[in-house]
Amino acid sequence: MKKVLSLLLVISSLTVWGQSSSFRINLYSNYVFDDQVDSYYSTTAYYDGKIKGGFQWGVGLEYMIKPAYGISLAYFRQGTNAPITYYDPATVINPVKTQDFDLVMNYIMLGGTRYFPASPAVEPYFGIDLGMCILDVSNTPNGNDGNATKFAWGIRGGTNIWATERFGIKLQAGLNSVVQGVGGTLYFGTGGAGAGVASYSSLLQFSLGGGLAFRLGYTTNATGQPKVY
């Protein structure tokens, strides 16, 4: 939570600077689809389940280094649940167990965006993001909640539709991945949740949505001269 609050403070502080620079503020509202997850403890003992889909919101600050290129820092949050089923034939009594975990996913992403303006009002784009995801797991059987911070990457594409020179509507599709197999993983266990070694498993989240875009400061026109908003 401290990391999230620090990021929001940085974005708020840089907004003032953006009044005299070429900046954008992007607000996001997405629907994230289900993703299957699994992990093997041995050749016969494993778990599988789903990270359920749901609503994701986000906020980002973007600096336009050129009229068609931007660098952004963004934060996304999704609260969801993860129903997990465990299989362990070595356990004679009740070898199959099921547990529904509460999961909060916080993405902090640094990205680059390439814009392809089709007209002053329509601005398609494509972007690549790198960063991290902070996962918080609760509702464990023994009350021992867990968390982990993992490397994350993402790709996205969409269109900005500018209603005015300062205000636009954003339409976007994206794919984010949490890499869980680098030196360990966040695992869901019947005795709790925590960081431990397991087989390689990545989480892939596909999203559809949109949001709002706001221009701050100035940009440049076709001749390279500053254009103030």
Protein backbone atom coordinates (compact mmCIF):
# COMPACT_ATOMS: atom_id res chain seq x y z
CA MET A 1 0.00 0.00 0.00
CA LYS A 2 2.87 2.40 0.74
CA LYS A 3 4.22 1.83 -2.78
CA VAL A 4 0.80 2.62 -4.27
CA LEU A 5 0.39 5.82 -2.23
CA SER A 6 3.90 6.94 -3.20
CA LEU A 7 3.11 6.43 -6.88
CA LEU A 8 -0.11 8.45 -6.65
CA LEU A 9 1.79 11.25 -4.86
CA VAL A 10 4.38 11.35 -7.65
CA ILE A 11 1.65 11.52 -10.31
CA SER A 12 -0.10 14.36 -8.45
CA SER A 13 3.15 16.32 -8.07
CA LEU A 14 4.09 15.94 -11.71
CA THR A 15 0.68 17.24 -12.80
CA VAL A 16 1.79 20.74 -11.78
CA TRP A 17 4.93 20.39 -13.91
CA GLY A 18 2.73 19.17 -16.77
CA GLN A 19 1.09 22.58 -17.03
CA SER A 20 4.29 23.92 -18.67
CA SER A 21 5.21 20.73 -20.54
CA SER A 22 3.59 18.33 -22.98
CA PHE A 23 1.80 15.92 -20.66
CA ARG A 24 -1.32 13.77 -20.61
CA ILE A 25 -3.33 12.29 -17.76
CA ASN A 26 -5.01 8.97 -18.61
CA LEU A 27 -7.82 7.40 -16.58
CA TYR A 28 -8.65 3.73 -17.23
CA SER A 29 -11.69 1.50 -16.68
CA ASN A 30 -11.34 -2.09 -17.93
CA TYR A 31 -12.94 -5.49 -17.69
CA VAL A 32 -10.35 -8.25 -17.14
CA PHE A 33 -11.19 -11.80 -18.25
CA ASP A 34 -10.60 -15.06 -16.33
CA ASP A 35 -7.21 -16.77 -16.51
CA GLN A 36 -6.33 -20.38 -15.71
CA VAL A 37 -3.45 -21.03 -13.27
CA ASP A 38 -1.77 -24.24 -12.11
CA SER A 39 1.35 -25.47 -10.35
CA TYR A 40 2.86 -28.92 -9.76
CA TYR A 41 4.49 -29.85 -6.45
CA SER A 42 5.38 -33.29 -7.86
CA THR A 43 4.33 -35.54 -10.73
CA THR A 44 1.09 -36.37 -8.92
CA ALA A 45 0.44 -33.47 -6.50
CA TYR A 46 -0.67 -30.18 -7.98
CA TYR A 47 -3.29 -27.46 -7.93
CA ASP A 48 -5.26 -25.68 -10.61
CA GLY A 49 -7.86 -22.96 -10.62
CA LYS A 50 -8.76 -19.56 -11.97
CA ILE A 51 -7.97 -15.93 -11.36
CA LYS A 52 -11.47 -14.61 -11.87
CA GLY A 53 -12.16 -11.65 -14.12
CA GLY A 54 -13.65 -8.37 -13.02
CA PHE A 55 -13.35 -4.61 -12.94
CA GLN A 56 -9.94 -2.93 -13.11
CA TRP A 57 -9.29 0.79 -12.72
CA GLY A 58 -6.15 2.77 -13.34
CA VAL A 59 -4.50 6.17 -13.61
CA GLY A 60 -1.41 7.22 -15.53
CA LEU A 61 0.77 10.20 -16.35
CA GLU A 62 2.28 10.40 -19.84
CA TYR A 63 5.05 12.67 -21.10
CA MET A 64 5.06 13.35 -24.85
CA ILE A 65 8.72 13.31 -25.92
CA LYS A 66 7.57 13.87 -29.53
CA PRO A 67 4.13 14.51 -31.08
CA ALA A 68 3.72 10.77 -31.83
CA TYR A 69 5.72 9.25 -28.95
CA GLY A 70 4.94 9.13 -25.25
CA ILE A 71 6.46 7.67 -22.07
CA SER A 72 4.02 6.82 -19.27
CA LEU A 73 3.92 5.77 -15.64
CA ALA A 74 0.66 4.06 -14.69
CA TYR A 75 -1.02 2.27 -11.78
CA PHE A 76 -3.78 -0.36 -12.16
CA ARG A 77 -5.76 -2.14 -9.44
CA GLN A 78 -8.06 -5.15 -9.57
CA GLY A 79 -9.79 -6.85 -6.66
CA THR A 80 -10.90 -10.39 -7.47
CA ASN A 81 -11.00 -13.95 -6.15
CA ALA A 82 -9.21 -17.18 -7.04
CA PRO A 83 -11.01 -20.53 -6.57
CA ILE A 84 -8.27 -23.20 -6.35
CA THR A 85 -8.57 -27.00 -6.26
CA TYR A 86 -5.77 -29.20 -4.86
CA TYR A 87 -4.96 -32.79 -5.79
CA ASP A 88 -2.68 -34.95 -3.65
CA PRO A 89 -3.15 -38.74 -3.93
CA ALA A 90 -0.72 -39.23 -1.03
CA THR A 91 -3.34 -37.77 1.29
CA VAL A 92 -5.57 -40.74 2.02
CA ILE A 93 -8.28 -38.68 3.69
CA ASN A 94 -9.74 -35.97 1.47
CA PRO A 95 -7.12 -35.97 -1.34
CA VAL A 96 -9.03 -33.21 -3.20
CA LYS A 97 -9.51 -29.83 -1.51
CA THR A 98 -10.96 -26.54 -2.73
CA GLN A 99 -10.39 -23.05 -1.39
CA ASP A 100 -11.57 -19.62 -2.63
CA PHE A 101 -8.94 -16.93 -2.03
CA ASP A 102 -9.37 -13.15 -2.09
CA LEU A 103 -6.79 -11.55 -4.37
CA VAL A 104 -5.80 -7.93 -5.01
CA MET A 105 -3.49 -7.16 -7.94
CA ASN A 106 -1.64 -3.83 -8.11
CA TYR A 107 0.26 -3.12 -11.34
CA ILE A 108 2.88 -0.36 -11.52
CA MET A 109 4.01 -0.03 -15.12
CA LEU A 110 6.45 2.10 -17.12
CA GLY A 111 5.60 2.14 -20.81
CA GLY A 112 6.17 3.60 -24.23
CA THR A 113 3.42 4.49 -26.69
CA ARG A 114 3.51 5.10 -30.45
CA TYR A 115 0.61 7.12 -31.86
CA PHE A 116 -0.68 6.98 -35.45
CA PRO A 117 -2.92 10.05 -35.85
CA ALA A 118 -5.57 9.45 -38.51
CA SER A 119 -7.09 12.91 -38.06
CA PRO A 120 -7.07 15.67 -35.41
CA ALA A 121 -9.87 13.81 -33.60
CA VAL A 122 -8.89 10.13 -34.08
CA GLU A 123 -5.56 8.88 -32.72
CA PRO A 124 -4.86 5.09 -32.84
CA TYR A 125 -1.93 3.87 -30.73
CA PHE A 126 0.13 0.86 -29.65
CA GLY A 127 2.16 0.51 -26.45
CA ILE A 128 4.49 -1.79 -24.51
CA ASP A 129 4.79 -1.77 -20.70
CA LEU A 130 7.29 -3.16 -18.19
CA GLY A 131 7.00 -3.05 -14.42
CA MET A 132 5.78 -5.06 -11.46
CA CYS A 133 2.64 -6.51 -9.93
CA ILE A 134 2.06 -6.54 -6.17
CA LEU A 135 -0.22 -9.45 -5.27
CA ASP A 136 -2.03 -9.63 -1.92
CA VAL A 137 -3.74 -12.92 -1.01
CA SER A 138 -6.17 -13.34 1.91
CA ASN A 139 -8.96 -15.65 3.11
CA THR A 140 -6.47 -18.46 3.67
CA PRO A 141 -7.58 -21.48 5.75
CA ASN A 142 -5.24 -20.71 8.65
CA GLY A 143 -5.47 -16.91 8.47
CA ASN A 144 -1.87 -16.44 7.27
CA ASP A 145 -2.29 -13.91 4.46
CA GLY A 146 0.47 -13.56 1.89
CA ASN A 147 1.88 -11.13 -0.64
CA ALA A 148 4.52 -11.06 -3.34
CA THR A 149 5.98 -8.62 -5.86
CA LYS A 150 6.62 -10.01 -9.34
CA PHE A 151 7.94 -8.77 -12.67
CA ALA A 152 5.15 -7.89 -15.13
CA TRP A 153 4.90 -6.89 -18.77
CA GLY A 154 2.07 -5.82 -21.00
CA ILE A 155 1.02 -4.77 -24.49
CA ARG A 156 -1.93 -2.58 -25.42
CA GLY A 157 -3.59 -1.00 -28.41
CA GLY A 158 -6.50 1.30 -28.93
CA THR A 159 -7.72 4.69 -30.07
CA ASN A 160 -8.10 8.11 -28.51
CA ILE A 161 -11.14 10.01 -29.77
CA TRP A 162 -10.63 13.69 -28.99
CA ALA A 163 -13.88 15.58 -28.32
CA THR A 164 -11.87 18.79 -27.83
CA GLU A 165 -8.18 19.67 -27.98
CA ARG A 166 -7.88 18.92 -24.25
CA PHE A 167 -10.37 16.09 -23.61
CA GLY A 168 -10.71 12.67 -25.23
CA ILE A 169 -12.32 9.26 -24.83
CA LYS A 170 -10.05 6.24 -24.79
CA LEU A 171 -10.90 2.78 -26.23
CA GLN A 172 -8.36 0.05 -25.47
CA ALA A 173 -7.57 -3.67 -25.47
CA GLY A 174 -4.62 -5.00 -23.48
CA LEU A 175 -2.72 -8.06 -22.31
CA ASN A 176 -0.77 -8.12 -19.03
CA SER A 177 1.40 -10.95 -17.76
CA VAL A 178 2.72 -11.59 -14.25
CA VAL A 179 5.86 -13.72 -14.49
CA GLN A 180 5.72 -16.09 -11.53
CA GLY A 181 8.47 -18.51 -12.42
CA VAL A 182 11.63 -16.43 -11.89
CA GLY A 183 13.23 -17.92 -8.76
CA GLY A 184 9.91 -18.78 -7.16
CA THR A 185 6.22 -18.08 -7.25
CA LEU A 186 3.29 -16.83 -5.27
CA TYR A 187 1.52 -20.06 -4.40
CA PHE A 188 -1.89 -20.85 -3.00
CA GLY A 189 -1.72 -23.62 -0.40
CA THR A 190 -4.26 -25.30 1.83
CA GLY A 191 -2.12 -24.28 4.80
CA GLY A 192 -1.82 -20.65 3.72
CA ALA A 193 -0.39 -18.46 1.00
CA GLY A 194 3.17 -17.24 0.62
CA ALA A 195 6.31 -17.19 -1.46
CA GLY A 196 7.75 -20.58 -2.35
CA VAL A 197 9.42 -22.57 -5.08
CA ALA A 198 7.15 -24.26 -7.61
CA SER A 199 6.97 -25.03 -11.30
CA TYR A 200 6.93 -22.23 -13.86
CA SER A 201 3.58 -20.54 -14.18
CA SER A 202 2.66 -17.18 -15.67
CA LEU A 203 -0.55 -15.28 -15.27
CA LEU A 204 -2.02 -13.76 -18.45
CA GLN A 205 -4.81 -11.22 -18.21
CA PHE A 206 -6.67 -9.97 -21.29
CA SER A 207 -8.70 -6.79 -20.85
CA LEU A 208 -11.14 -4.64 -22.79
CA GLY A 209 -12.20 -1.17 -21.80
CA GLY A 210 -11.40 2.46 -22.15
CA GLY A 211 -11.23 5.63 -20.18
CA LEU A 212 -10.54 9.33 -20.44
CA ALA A 213 -7.52 11.28 -21.68
CA PHE A 214 -6.60 14.86 -20.77
CA ARG A 215 -3.93 16.99 -22.45
CA LEU A 216 -1.89 19.38 -20.30
CA GLY A 217 0.57 22.09 -21.29
CA TYR A 218 1.52 22.12 -24.93
CA THR A 219 2.35 19.88 -27.85
CA THR A 220 3.78 20.66 -31.29
CA ASN A 221 2.02 21.08 -34.60
CA ALA A 222 3.05 19.68 -37.99
CA THR A 223 5.77 22.35 -38.39
CA GLY A 224 7.30 21.59 -34.98
CA GLN A 225 6.10 24.79 -33.32
CA PRO A 226 4.63 24.66 -29.80
CA LYS A 227 0.84 24.49 -29.66
CA VAL A 228 -0.52 25.59 -26.29
CA TYR A 229 -3.68 24.05 -24.76
